[in-house]
Amino acid sequence: MKNKLFFISLIVISLSSCVTSLYPITENEKDIVFKSEFLGHWKDSDGNSEYVVNPAGDTSGKYYKVMTLDYHSDRTDTSNFLVALVNLNDHYFLDCVPDTSQNIYSSSNNASRGFLIPSHLIIKVFSFSNNSINLSAIDNDKLMSLLKSKKIRIRHEDIDSDNILLSEKPVVLQQKLLQLEDFPLVYKRESIIRVK
């Protein structure tokens, strides 16, 4: 699965394969919605990851702060994201960017911070309720297959064999995400369940 381009993305990319976007899904605040059902403490079905979702406290009141905890046999990786829930014609997507207000980023000097360009992880939300969320990131291999067979055209860069960076601007990116609805195999559906 593609997860979490440059300095920030390289760290996350080294941990897993992913499809990210250089641009956000939308620049129109009206497309961003807030659903209280997302708030809380969640875990994936195998118990290897947990997600703590809180309001971001932004002025619009529409964004979430998400802390992810990925458990490994020898360590726990923690990541923090700012997340927007985007509604495109009743198709929901999470637009996730690294939370650069965290100490790891603010401790960098001004010169190095100028090179940090956070990419956007796009996650399709199929359904959500108070106790479960069915979602999926875009599967890198399936998208690559669609691109090679020219079943879909989307401007992108191949970062390496496991990572694609989409480079369409928001209006076109939205159209392409909706076109992907015709290819449901591009998503590996996963469910997360509420812990508390």
N, C-alpha and C. Protein backbone atom coordinates (compact mmCIF):
# COMPACT_ATOMS: atom_id res chain seq x y z
N MET A 1 0.85 -1.16 0.00
CA MET A 1 0.00 0.00 0.00
C MET A 1 0.90 1.23 0.00
N LYS A 2 0.45 2.29 -0.62
CA LYS A 2 1.21 3.53 -0.68
C LYS A 2 0.88 4.40 0.50
N ASN A 3 1.88 4.78 1.17
CA ASN A 3 1.66 5.59 2.35
C ASN A 3 2.48 6.85 2.33
N LYS A 4 2.12 7.40 3.39
CA LYS A 4 2.70 8.51 4.07
C LYS A 4 3.93 8.90 3.36
N LEU A 5 7.99 14.54 -1.39
CA LEU A 5 8.72 13.83 -2.21
C LEU A 5 9.92 14.37 -1.59
N PHE A 6 10.16 14.61 -1.43
CA PHE A 6 11.41 15.14 -1.05
C PHE A 6 11.74 14.64 0.35
N PHE A 7 12.38 15.49 1.19
CA PHE A 7 12.87 14.98 2.47
C PHE A 7 11.80 14.23 3.26
N ILE A 8 10.63 14.83 3.45
CA ILE A 8 9.57 14.19 4.23
C ILE A 8 9.13 12.90 3.58
N SER A 9 8.83 12.96 2.30
CA SER A 9 8.31 11.78 1.60
C SER A 9 9.33 10.67 1.51
N LEU A 10 10.60 11.01 1.38
CA LEU A 10 11.61 9.97 1.27
C LEU A 10 11.66 9.10 2.51
N ILE A 11 11.45 9.70 3.66
CA ILE A 11 11.44 8.92 4.90
C ILE A 11 10.30 7.92 4.87
N VAL A 12 9.11 8.42 4.53
CA VAL A 12 7.94 7.55 4.52
C VAL A 12 8.02 6.55 3.37
N ILE A 13 8.47 7.01 2.21
CA ILE A 13 8.56 6.15 1.04
C ILE A 13 9.50 4.99 1.29
N SER A 14 10.54 5.22 2.08
CA SER A 14 11.48 4.13 2.36
C SER A 14 10.82 3.02 3.17
N LEU A 15 9.73 3.34 3.86
CA LEU A 15 9.06 2.35 4.69
C LEU A 15 8.01 1.55 3.93
N SER A 16 7.41 2.11 2.89
CA SER A 16 6.36 1.41 2.16
C SER A 16 6.17 2.04 0.80
N SER A 17 5.53 1.30 -0.11
CA SER A 17 5.27 1.85 -1.43
C SER A 17 4.00 2.67 -1.37
N CYS A 18 3.92 3.72 -2.23
CA CYS A 18 2.73 4.55 -2.17
C CYS A 18 2.52 5.40 -3.40
N VAL A 19 1.27 5.86 -3.54
CA VAL A 19 0.91 6.84 -4.56
C VAL A 19 0.60 8.12 -3.80
N THR A 20 1.35 9.16 -4.10
CA THR A 20 1.11 10.45 -3.48
C THR A 20 0.88 11.48 -4.57
N SER A 21 0.46 12.67 -4.15
CA SER A 21 0.20 13.75 -5.09
C SER A 21 1.00 14.98 -4.67
N LEU A 22 1.52 15.68 -5.65
CA LEU A 22 2.22 16.93 -5.38
C LEU A 22 1.24 18.01 -4.92
N TYR A 23 0.01 17.93 -5.42
CA TYR A 23 -1.01 18.93 -5.12
C TYR A 23 -2.12 18.32 -4.27
N PRO A 24 -2.84 19.18 -3.54
CA PRO A 24 -3.99 18.68 -2.78
C PRO A 24 -5.13 18.29 -3.73
N ILE A 25 -6.07 17.54 -3.22
CA ILE A 25 -7.22 17.15 -4.02
C ILE A 25 -8.04 18.38 -4.41
N THR A 26 -8.16 19.32 -3.51
CA THR A 26 -8.96 20.51 -3.78
C THR A 26 -8.34 21.73 -3.13
N GLU A 27 -8.62 22.87 -3.75
CA GLU A 27 -8.27 24.16 -3.13
C GLU A 27 -9.54 24.92 -2.78
N ASN A 28 -10.69 24.27 -2.98
CA ASN A 28 -11.99 24.87 -2.70
C ASN A 28 -12.46 24.41 -1.33
N GLU A 29 -12.52 25.31 -0.39
CA GLU A 29 -12.91 24.99 0.99
C GLU A 29 -14.30 24.34 1.05
N LYS A 30 -15.15 24.61 0.07
CA LYS A 30 -16.50 24.03 0.06
C LYS A 30 -16.48 22.52 -0.16
N ASP A 31 -15.41 21.99 -0.75
CA ASP A 31 -15.29 20.54 -0.97
C ASP A 31 -14.86 19.80 0.29
N ILE A 32 -14.37 20.53 1.28
CA ILE A 32 -13.86 19.91 2.50
C ILE A 32 -14.98 19.87 3.53
N VAL A 33 -15.21 18.68 4.07
CA VAL A 33 -16.28 18.49 5.05
C VAL A 33 -15.69 17.90 6.32
N PHE A 34 -16.42 18.06 7.40
CA PHE A 34 -15.99 17.51 8.69
C PHE A 34 -17.06 16.55 9.16
N LYS A 35 -16.68 15.33 9.45
CA LYS A 35 -17.61 14.31 9.95
C LYS A 35 -17.09 13.85 11.31
N SER A 36 -17.89 14.05 12.34
CA SER A 36 -17.46 13.68 13.69
C SER A 36 -17.25 12.17 13.84
N GLU A 37 -17.83 11.38 12.92
CA GLU A 37 -17.65 9.93 12.98
C GLU A 37 -16.18 9.52 12.89
N PHE A 38 -15.34 10.37 12.32
CA PHE A 38 -13.92 10.05 12.16
C PHE A 38 -13.12 10.25 13.44
N LEU A 39 -13.63 11.05 14.36
CA LEU A 39 -12.90 11.33 15.59
C LEU A 39 -12.80 10.09 16.46
N GLY A 40 -11.67 9.94 17.13
CA GLY A 40 -11.53 8.83 18.06
C GLY A 40 -10.26 8.05 17.86
N HIS A 41 -10.25 6.87 18.46
CA HIS A 41 -9.09 5.97 18.46
C HIS A 41 -9.48 4.74 17.65
N TRP A 42 -8.70 4.42 16.62
CA TRP A 42 -9.02 3.35 15.68
C TRP A 42 -7.85 2.38 15.58
N LYS A 43 -8.13 1.16 15.11
CA LYS A 43 -7.05 0.21 14.83
C LYS A 43 -7.43 -0.59 13.59
N ASP A 44 -6.40 -1.11 12.89
CA ASP A 44 -6.67 -1.95 11.74
C ASP A 44 -7.00 -3.36 12.22
N SER A 45 -7.49 -4.18 11.30
CA SER A 45 -7.99 -5.50 11.69
C SER A 45 -6.91 -6.42 12.24
N ASP A 46 -5.66 -6.26 11.81
CA ASP A 46 -4.60 -7.13 12.34
C ASP A 46 -3.91 -6.57 13.57
N GLY A 47 -4.29 -5.36 13.99
CA GLY A 47 -3.74 -4.78 15.20
C GLY A 47 -2.34 -4.22 15.07
N ASN A 48 -1.81 -4.13 13.84
CA ASN A 48 -0.45 -3.62 13.63
C ASN A 48 -0.38 -2.10 13.58
N SER A 49 -1.50 -1.45 13.41
CA SER A 49 -1.52 0.02 13.32
C SER A 49 -2.70 0.57 14.10
N GLU A 50 -2.47 1.73 14.71
CA GLU A 50 -3.54 2.45 15.38
C GLU A 50 -3.52 3.89 14.89
N TYR A 51 -4.68 4.52 14.97
CA TYR A 51 -4.86 5.89 14.48
C TYR A 51 -5.64 6.67 15.53
N VAL A 52 -5.09 7.79 15.95
CA VAL A 52 -5.78 8.66 16.89
C VAL A 52 -6.16 9.93 16.13
N VAL A 53 -7.46 10.17 16.02
CA VAL A 53 -7.99 11.26 15.19
C VAL A 53 -8.64 12.30 16.09
N ASN A 54 -8.15 13.53 15.99
CA ASN A 54 -8.69 14.66 16.75
C ASN A 54 -8.94 15.83 15.81
N PRO A 55 -9.78 16.77 16.24
CA PRO A 55 -9.93 17.99 15.43
C PRO A 55 -8.59 18.71 15.39
N ALA A 56 -8.27 19.34 14.26
CA ALA A 56 -6.98 20.03 14.13
C ALA A 56 -6.96 21.36 14.86
N GLY A 57 -8.12 21.91 15.16
CA GLY A 57 -8.16 23.21 15.84
C GLY A 57 -7.89 24.36 14.90
N ASP A 58 -8.07 24.14 13.60
CA ASP A 58 -7.87 25.21 12.61
C ASP A 58 -9.06 26.16 12.63
N THR A 59 -8.91 27.30 12.01
CA THR A 59 -9.98 28.32 12.05
C THR A 59 -11.25 27.87 11.33
N SER A 60 -11.12 27.01 10.31
CA SER A 60 -12.31 26.56 9.59
C SER A 60 -13.04 25.46 10.35
N GLY A 61 -12.33 24.77 11.25
CA GLY A 61 -12.94 23.67 11.99
C GLY A 61 -13.20 22.45 11.14
N LYS A 62 -12.53 22.32 10.01
CA LYS A 62 -12.81 21.22 9.08
C LYS A 62 -11.70 20.18 8.99
N TYR A 63 -10.58 20.39 9.63
CA TYR A 63 -9.44 19.49 9.46
C TYR A 63 -9.24 18.61 10.68
N TYR A 64 -8.54 17.50 10.46
CA TYR A 64 -8.23 16.55 11.52
C TYR A 64 -6.73 16.49 11.72
N LYS A 65 -6.31 16.20 12.96
CA LYS A 65 -4.93 15.82 13.26
C LYS A 65 -4.98 14.31 13.49
N VAL A 66 -4.11 13.60 12.78
CA VAL A 66 -4.10 12.14 12.90
C VAL A 66 -2.69 11.70 13.29
N MET A 67 -2.62 10.95 14.39
CA MET A 67 -1.36 10.33 14.79
C MET A 67 -1.48 8.85 14.46
N THR A 68 -0.50 8.34 13.70
CA THR A 68 -0.50 6.92 13.39
C THR A 68 0.61 6.23 14.19
N LEU A 69 0.30 5.07 14.67
CA LEU A 69 1.25 4.24 15.41
C LEU A 69 1.35 2.92 14.67
N ASP A 70 2.52 2.65 14.10
CA ASP A 70 2.76 1.40 13.37
C ASP A 70 3.67 0.53 14.22
N TYR A 71 3.13 -0.62 14.65
CA TYR A 71 3.86 -1.51 15.54
C TYR A 71 4.68 -2.52 14.76
N HIS A 72 5.96 -2.61 15.12
CA HIS A 72 6.88 -3.60 14.56
C HIS A 72 7.41 -4.42 15.73
N SER A 73 8.05 -5.53 15.44
CA SER A 73 8.53 -6.39 16.52
C SER A 73 9.57 -5.68 17.39
N ASP A 74 10.34 -4.76 16.81
CA ASP A 74 11.42 -4.13 17.56
C ASP A 74 11.21 -2.64 17.83
N ARG A 75 10.12 -2.06 17.31
CA ARG A 75 9.92 -0.62 17.50
C ARG A 75 8.48 -0.24 17.15
N THR A 76 8.12 0.99 17.50
CA THR A 76 6.85 1.58 17.11
C THR A 76 7.16 2.87 16.37
N ASP A 77 6.67 2.98 15.13
CA ASP A 77 6.85 4.21 14.35
C ASP A 77 5.63 5.09 14.54
N THR A 78 5.89 6.36 14.83
CA THR A 78 4.81 7.32 15.03
C THR A 78 4.91 8.39 13.96
N SER A 79 3.78 8.69 13.32
CA SER A 79 3.72 9.74 12.31
C SER A 79 2.53 10.63 12.61
N ASN A 80 2.62 11.88 12.22
CA ASN A 80 1.54 12.84 12.46
C ASN A 80 1.16 13.51 11.15
N PHE A 81 -0.15 13.60 10.91
CA PHE A 81 -0.67 14.15 9.67
C PHE A 81 -1.77 15.16 9.93
N LEU A 82 -1.91 16.11 9.02
CA LEU A 82 -3.08 16.96 8.93
C LEU A 82 -3.92 16.38 7.81
N VAL A 83 -5.20 16.20 8.05
CA VAL A 83 -6.05 15.49 7.11
C VAL A 83 -7.32 16.28 6.82
N ALA A 84 -7.67 16.32 5.54
CA ALA A 84 -8.93 16.91 5.10
C ALA A 84 -9.79 15.81 4.51
N LEU A 85 -11.07 15.81 4.82
CA LEU A 85 -12.02 14.90 4.20
C LEU A 85 -12.68 15.66 3.06
N VAL A 86 -12.47 15.17 1.84
CA VAL A 86 -12.93 15.87 0.64
C VAL A 86 -14.10 15.11 0.02
N ASN A 87 -15.17 15.84 -0.27
CA ASN A 87 -16.36 15.26 -0.90
C ASN A 87 -16.38 15.69 -2.35
N LEU A 88 -16.21 14.73 -3.27
CA LEU A 88 -16.29 14.99 -4.70
C LEU A 88 -17.51 14.25 -5.24
N ASN A 89 -18.60 14.95 -5.42
CA ASN A 89 -19.83 14.34 -5.93
C ASN A 89 -20.22 13.09 -5.15
N ASP A 90 -20.21 13.20 -3.84
CA ASP A 90 -20.54 12.10 -2.93
C ASP A 90 -19.54 10.95 -2.95
N HIS A 91 -18.34 11.18 -3.44
CA HIS A 91 -17.22 10.25 -3.32
C HIS A 91 -16.26 10.92 -2.33
N TYR A 92 -15.91 10.21 -1.26
CA TYR A 92 -15.09 10.79 -0.20
C TYR A 92 -13.64 10.34 -0.30
N PHE A 93 -12.74 11.28 -0.06
CA PHE A 93 -11.31 11.01 -0.06
C PHE A 93 -10.68 11.73 1.13
N LEU A 94 -9.68 11.11 1.73
CA LEU A 94 -8.86 11.77 2.75
C LEU A 94 -7.62 12.30 2.06
N ASP A 95 -7.29 13.55 2.30
CA ASP A 95 -6.08 14.18 1.77
C ASP A 95 -5.16 14.39 2.97
N CYS A 96 -4.09 13.61 3.03
CA CYS A 96 -3.21 13.57 4.20
C CYS A 96 -1.85 14.19 3.88
N VAL A 97 -1.41 15.13 4.68
CA VAL A 97 -0.08 15.71 4.53
C VAL A 97 0.64 15.62 5.88
N PRO A 98 1.95 15.51 5.87
CA PRO A 98 2.68 15.49 7.13
C PRO A 98 2.40 16.76 7.94
N ASP A 99 2.26 16.59 9.23
CA ASP A 99 2.05 17.72 10.13
C ASP A 99 3.40 18.34 10.43
N THR A 100 3.74 19.38 9.68
CA THR A 100 5.06 20.00 9.80
C THR A 100 5.20 20.88 11.04
N SER A 101 4.16 20.96 11.88
CA SER A 101 4.29 21.70 13.13
C SER A 101 4.98 20.84 14.20
N GLN A 102 5.19 19.57 13.92
CA GLN A 102 5.82 18.67 14.88
C GLN A 102 7.30 19.04 15.07
N ASN A 103 7.85 18.68 16.21
CA ASN A 103 9.24 19.04 16.57
C ASN A 103 10.27 18.58 15.54
N ILE A 104 10.06 17.40 14.94
CA ILE A 104 11.04 16.90 13.99
C ILE A 104 11.24 17.88 12.83
N TYR A 105 10.20 18.60 12.46
CA TYR A 105 10.28 19.55 11.36
C TYR A 105 10.71 20.94 11.85
N SER A 106 10.16 21.36 12.98
CA SER A 106 10.48 22.70 13.47
C SER A 106 11.91 22.80 13.97
N SER A 107 12.55 21.65 14.28
CA SER A 107 13.94 21.69 14.73
C SER A 107 14.92 21.84 13.56
N SER A 108 14.42 21.68 12.32
CA SER A 108 15.28 21.89 11.15
C SER A 108 15.55 23.38 11.00
N ASN A 109 16.71 23.73 10.44
CA ASN A 109 16.99 25.15 10.25
C ASN A 109 16.22 25.68 9.05
N ASN A 110 16.13 27.00 8.95
CA ASN A 110 15.34 27.63 7.88
C ASN A 110 15.79 27.20 6.49
N ALA A 111 17.09 27.04 6.28
CA ALA A 111 17.59 26.67 4.97
C ALA A 111 17.08 25.29 4.56
N SER A 112 17.14 24.33 5.46
CA SER A 112 16.69 22.98 5.11
C SER A 112 15.18 22.90 5.02
N ARG A 113 14.45 23.68 5.83
CA ARG A 113 12.98 23.67 5.74
C ARG A 113 12.51 24.14 4.38
N GLY A 114 13.28 24.98 3.70
CA GLY A 114 12.91 25.46 2.38
C GLY A 114 12.87 24.37 1.33
N PHE A 115 13.51 23.23 1.61
CA PHE A 115 13.53 22.12 0.67
C PHE A 115 12.45 21.08 0.96
N LEU A 116 11.69 21.28 2.01
CA LEU A 116 10.65 20.32 2.37
C LEU A 116 9.37 20.62 1.61
N ILE A 117 8.98 19.70 0.76
CA ILE A 117 7.74 19.85 0.01
C ILE A 117 6.87 18.64 0.35
N PRO A 118 5.91 18.82 1.25
CA PRO A 118 5.09 17.67 1.63
C PRO A 118 4.20 17.22 0.47
N SER A 119 4.15 15.93 0.26
CA SER A 119 3.23 15.39 -0.74
C SER A 119 1.95 14.97 -0.02
N HIS A 120 0.93 14.72 -0.81
CA HIS A 120 -0.40 14.40 -0.29
C HIS A 120 -0.70 12.92 -0.53
N LEU A 121 -0.96 12.21 0.53
CA LEU A 121 -1.41 10.83 0.43
C LEU A 121 -2.92 10.87 0.28
N ILE A 122 -3.43 10.21 -0.76
CA ILE A 122 -4.86 10.22 -1.03
C ILE A 122 -5.42 8.86 -0.65
N ILE A 123 -6.45 8.88 0.19
CA ILE A 123 -7.09 7.65 0.64
C ILE A 123 -8.57 7.72 0.29
N LYS A 124 -9.04 6.73 -0.42
CA LYS A 124 -10.45 6.63 -0.78
C LYS A 124 -11.22 6.10 0.42
N VAL A 125 -12.33 6.77 0.76
CA VAL A 125 -13.20 6.31 1.84
C VAL A 125 -14.46 5.72 1.21
N PHE A 126 -14.68 4.44 1.42
CA PHE A 126 -15.84 3.76 0.85
C PHE A 126 -17.07 3.91 1.72
N SER A 127 -16.87 3.78 3.02
CA SER A 127 -17.99 3.94 3.95
C SER A 127 -17.44 4.26 5.33
N PHE A 128 -18.28 4.88 6.14
CA PHE A 128 -17.89 5.17 7.51
C PHE A 128 -19.12 5.19 8.39
N SER A 129 -18.91 4.77 9.61
CA SER A 129 -19.96 4.80 10.63
C SER A 129 -19.29 5.13 11.95
N ASN A 130 -20.04 5.06 13.01
CA ASN A 130 -19.46 5.36 14.32
C ASN A 130 -18.44 4.32 14.76
N ASN A 131 -18.51 3.10 14.22
CA ASN A 131 -17.64 2.04 14.70
C ASN A 131 -16.67 1.46 13.68
N SER A 132 -16.80 1.81 12.40
CA SER A 132 -15.86 1.27 11.41
C SER A 132 -15.76 2.22 10.22
N ILE A 133 -14.60 2.16 9.58
CA ILE A 133 -14.35 2.93 8.37
C ILE A 133 -13.75 1.97 7.35
N ASN A 134 -14.32 1.96 6.15
CA ASN A 134 -13.81 1.13 5.07
C ASN A 134 -13.09 2.06 4.11
N LEU A 135 -11.79 1.85 3.90
CA LEU A 135 -10.99 2.79 3.12
C LEU A 135 -9.85 2.09 2.40
N SER A 136 -9.15 2.85 1.54
CA SER A 136 -7.99 2.30 0.85
C SER A 136 -7.18 3.41 0.21
N ALA A 137 -5.87 3.27 0.29
CA ALA A 137 -4.98 4.11 -0.51
C ALA A 137 -4.97 3.52 -1.92
N ILE A 138 -4.44 4.24 -2.87
CA ILE A 138 -4.35 3.75 -4.25
C ILE A 138 -3.22 2.73 -4.32
N ASP A 139 -3.50 1.58 -4.89
CA ASP A 139 -2.49 0.53 -5.02
C ASP A 139 -1.50 0.90 -6.12
N ASN A 140 -0.25 1.03 -5.78
CA ASN A 140 0.80 1.45 -6.71
C ASN A 140 0.88 0.54 -7.94
N ASP A 141 0.93 -0.76 -7.73
CA ASP A 141 1.09 -1.70 -8.84
C ASP A 141 -0.11 -1.68 -9.78
N LYS A 142 -1.31 -1.61 -9.21
CA LYS A 142 -2.52 -1.59 -10.04
C LYS A 142 -2.59 -0.29 -10.85
N LEU A 143 -2.24 0.83 -10.22
CA LEU A 143 -2.25 2.09 -10.96
C LEU A 143 -1.19 2.07 -12.06
N MET A 144 -0.01 1.54 -11.76
CA MET A 144 1.06 1.46 -12.76
C MET A 144 0.60 0.62 -13.96
N SER A 145 -0.11 -0.45 -13.70
CA SER A 145 -0.63 -1.30 -14.77
C SER A 145 -1.64 -0.53 -15.64
N LEU A 146 -2.52 0.24 -15.00
CA LEU A 146 -3.49 1.05 -15.75
C LEU A 146 -2.78 2.11 -16.59
N LEU A 147 -1.73 2.71 -16.04
CA LEU A 147 -0.99 3.73 -16.78
C LEU A 147 -0.25 3.11 -17.97
N LYS A 148 0.39 1.97 -17.77
CA LYS A 148 1.13 1.32 -18.86
C LYS A 148 0.22 0.85 -19.98
N SER A 149 -0.96 0.38 -19.61
CA SER A 149 -1.91 -0.09 -20.62
C SER A 149 -2.74 1.05 -21.21
N LYS A 150 -2.48 2.26 -20.74
CA LYS A 150 -3.16 3.48 -21.21
C LYS A 150 -4.67 3.44 -21.01
N LYS A 151 -5.10 2.71 -19.98
CA LYS A 151 -6.51 2.71 -19.63
C LYS A 151 -6.89 3.98 -18.90
N ILE A 152 -5.89 4.60 -18.31
CA ILE A 152 -6.08 5.91 -17.68
C ILE A 152 -4.81 6.71 -17.93
N ARG A 153 -4.99 7.98 -18.13
CA ARG A 153 -3.85 8.88 -18.31
C ARG A 153 -3.88 9.91 -17.18
N ILE A 154 -2.77 9.98 -16.50
CA ILE A 154 -2.64 10.96 -15.42
C ILE A 154 -1.18 11.38 -15.34
N ARG A 155 -0.95 12.66 -15.29
CA ARG A 155 0.43 13.15 -15.23
C ARG A 155 1.05 12.69 -13.91
N HIS A 156 2.25 12.13 -14.01
CA HIS A 156 2.89 11.57 -12.82
C HIS A 156 4.40 11.45 -13.04
N GLU A 157 5.07 11.17 -11.97
CA GLU A 157 6.51 10.85 -11.97
C GLU A 157 6.68 9.53 -11.26
N ASP A 158 7.52 8.66 -11.82
CA ASP A 158 7.87 7.43 -11.14
C ASP A 158 9.06 7.74 -10.24
N ILE A 159 8.82 7.79 -8.95
CA ILE A 159 9.89 8.09 -8.01
C ILE A 159 10.88 6.93 -7.97
N ASP A 160 10.35 5.73 -7.91
CA ASP A 160 11.11 4.49 -8.02
C ASP A 160 10.11 3.40 -8.36
N SER A 161 10.51 2.15 -8.33
CA SER A 161 9.61 1.08 -8.76
C SER A 161 8.39 0.92 -7.85
N ASP A 162 8.45 1.46 -6.65
CA ASP A 162 7.35 1.30 -5.71
C ASP A 162 6.57 2.58 -5.42
N ASN A 163 6.92 3.69 -6.05
CA ASN A 163 6.30 4.95 -5.67
C ASN A 163 6.02 5.84 -6.86
N ILE A 164 4.79 6.31 -6.93
CA ILE A 164 4.35 7.21 -7.98
C ILE A 164 3.95 8.53 -7.34
N LEU A 165 4.37 9.63 -7.96
CA LEU A 165 3.95 10.96 -7.52
C LEU A 165 3.04 11.54 -8.61
N LEU A 166 1.79 11.74 -8.28
CA LEU A 166 0.85 12.36 -9.22
C LEU A 166 1.15 13.85 -9.27
N SER A 167 1.13 14.43 -10.49
CA SER A 167 1.48 15.85 -10.61
C SER A 167 0.39 16.67 -11.29
N GLU A 168 -0.84 16.18 -11.26
CA GLU A 168 -1.97 16.94 -11.80
C GLU A 168 -2.38 17.99 -10.77
N LYS A 169 -2.78 19.15 -11.25
CA LYS A 169 -3.30 20.19 -10.36
C LYS A 169 -4.70 19.78 -9.90
N PRO A 170 -5.22 20.40 -8.83
CA PRO A 170 -6.43 19.92 -8.18
C PRO A 170 -7.64 19.65 -9.08
N VAL A 171 -7.98 20.54 -10.00
CA VAL A 171 -9.18 20.33 -10.82
C VAL A 171 -9.06 19.07 -11.65
N VAL A 172 -7.91 18.88 -12.29
CA VAL A 172 -7.69 17.67 -13.11
C VAL A 172 -7.53 16.45 -12.21
N LEU A 173 -6.86 16.60 -11.08
CA LEU A 173 -6.69 15.49 -10.15
C LEU A 173 -8.05 14.95 -9.71
N GLN A 174 -8.99 15.84 -9.43
CA GLN A 174 -10.33 15.41 -9.06
C GLN A 174 -10.96 14.57 -10.16
N GLN A 175 -10.85 15.03 -11.39
CA GLN A 175 -11.42 14.28 -12.53
C GLN A 175 -10.79 12.90 -12.62
N LYS A 176 -9.48 12.82 -12.44
CA LYS A 176 -8.77 11.54 -12.54
C LYS A 176 -9.17 10.60 -11.40
N LEU A 177 -9.34 11.14 -10.19
CA LEU A 177 -9.77 10.31 -9.07
C LEU A 177 -11.15 9.74 -9.33
N LEU A 178 -12.03 10.53 -9.91
CA LEU A 178 -13.37 10.03 -10.23
C LEU A 178 -13.31 9.01 -11.36
N GLN A 179 -12.38 9.17 -12.31
CA GLN A 179 -12.21 8.16 -13.37
C GLN A 179 -11.74 6.83 -12.79
N LEU A 180 -10.94 6.88 -11.73
CA LEU A 180 -10.47 5.65 -11.09
C LEU A 180 -11.62 4.82 -10.52
N GLU A 181 -12.77 5.46 -10.31
CA GLU A 181 -13.93 4.72 -9.82
C GLU A 181 -14.32 3.61 -10.78
N ASP A 182 -13.95 3.74 -12.06
CA ASP A 182 -14.23 2.71 -13.06
C ASP A 182 -13.30 1.51 -12.94
N PHE A 183 -12.30 1.62 -12.08
CA PHE A 183 -11.30 0.56 -11.91
C PHE A 183 -11.19 0.21 -10.42
N PRO A 184 -12.20 -0.44 -9.86
CA PRO A 184 -12.21 -0.69 -8.41
C PRO A 184 -11.04 -1.52 -7.90
N LEU A 185 -10.39 -2.30 -8.78
CA LEU A 185 -9.26 -3.11 -8.31
C LEU A 185 -8.04 -2.28 -7.96
N VAL A 186 -8.06 -0.98 -8.27
CA VAL A 186 -6.93 -0.11 -7.93
C VAL A 186 -6.88 0.14 -6.42
N TYR A 187 -7.94 -0.29 -5.73
CA TYR A 187 -7.99 -0.12 -4.28
C TYR A 187 -8.00 -1.48 -3.59
N LYS A 188 -7.22 -1.58 -2.51
CA LYS A 188 -7.26 -2.75 -1.64
C LYS A 188 -8.01 -2.32 -0.39
N ARG A 189 -9.26 -2.63 -0.34
CA ARG A 189 -10.09 -2.18 0.78
C ARG A 189 -9.61 -2.74 2.11
N GLU A 190 -9.62 -1.87 3.10
CA GLU A 190 -9.27 -2.25 4.47
C GLU A 190 -10.29 -1.64 5.39
N SER A 191 -10.50 -2.26 6.50
CA SER A 191 -11.41 -1.70 7.50
C SER A 191 -10.62 -1.40 8.75
N ILE A 192 -10.95 -0.28 9.35
CA ILE A 192 -10.43 0.01 10.68
C ILE A 192 -11.62 0.08 11.62
N ILE A 193 -11.39 -0.31 12.85
CA ILE A 193 -12.49 -0.33 13.82
C ILE A 193 -12.16 0.55 15.01
N ARG A 194 -13.20 1.07 15.61
CA ARG A 194 -13.02 1.98 16.75
C ARG A 194 -12.53 1.21 17.97
N VAL A 195 -11.51 1.77 18.61
CA VAL A 195 -11.01 1.21 19.87
C VAL A 195 -11.77 1.83 21.01
N LYS A 196 -11.91 3.17 20.97
CA LYS A 196 -12.68 3.89 21.99
C LYS A 196 -13.07 5.23 21.47
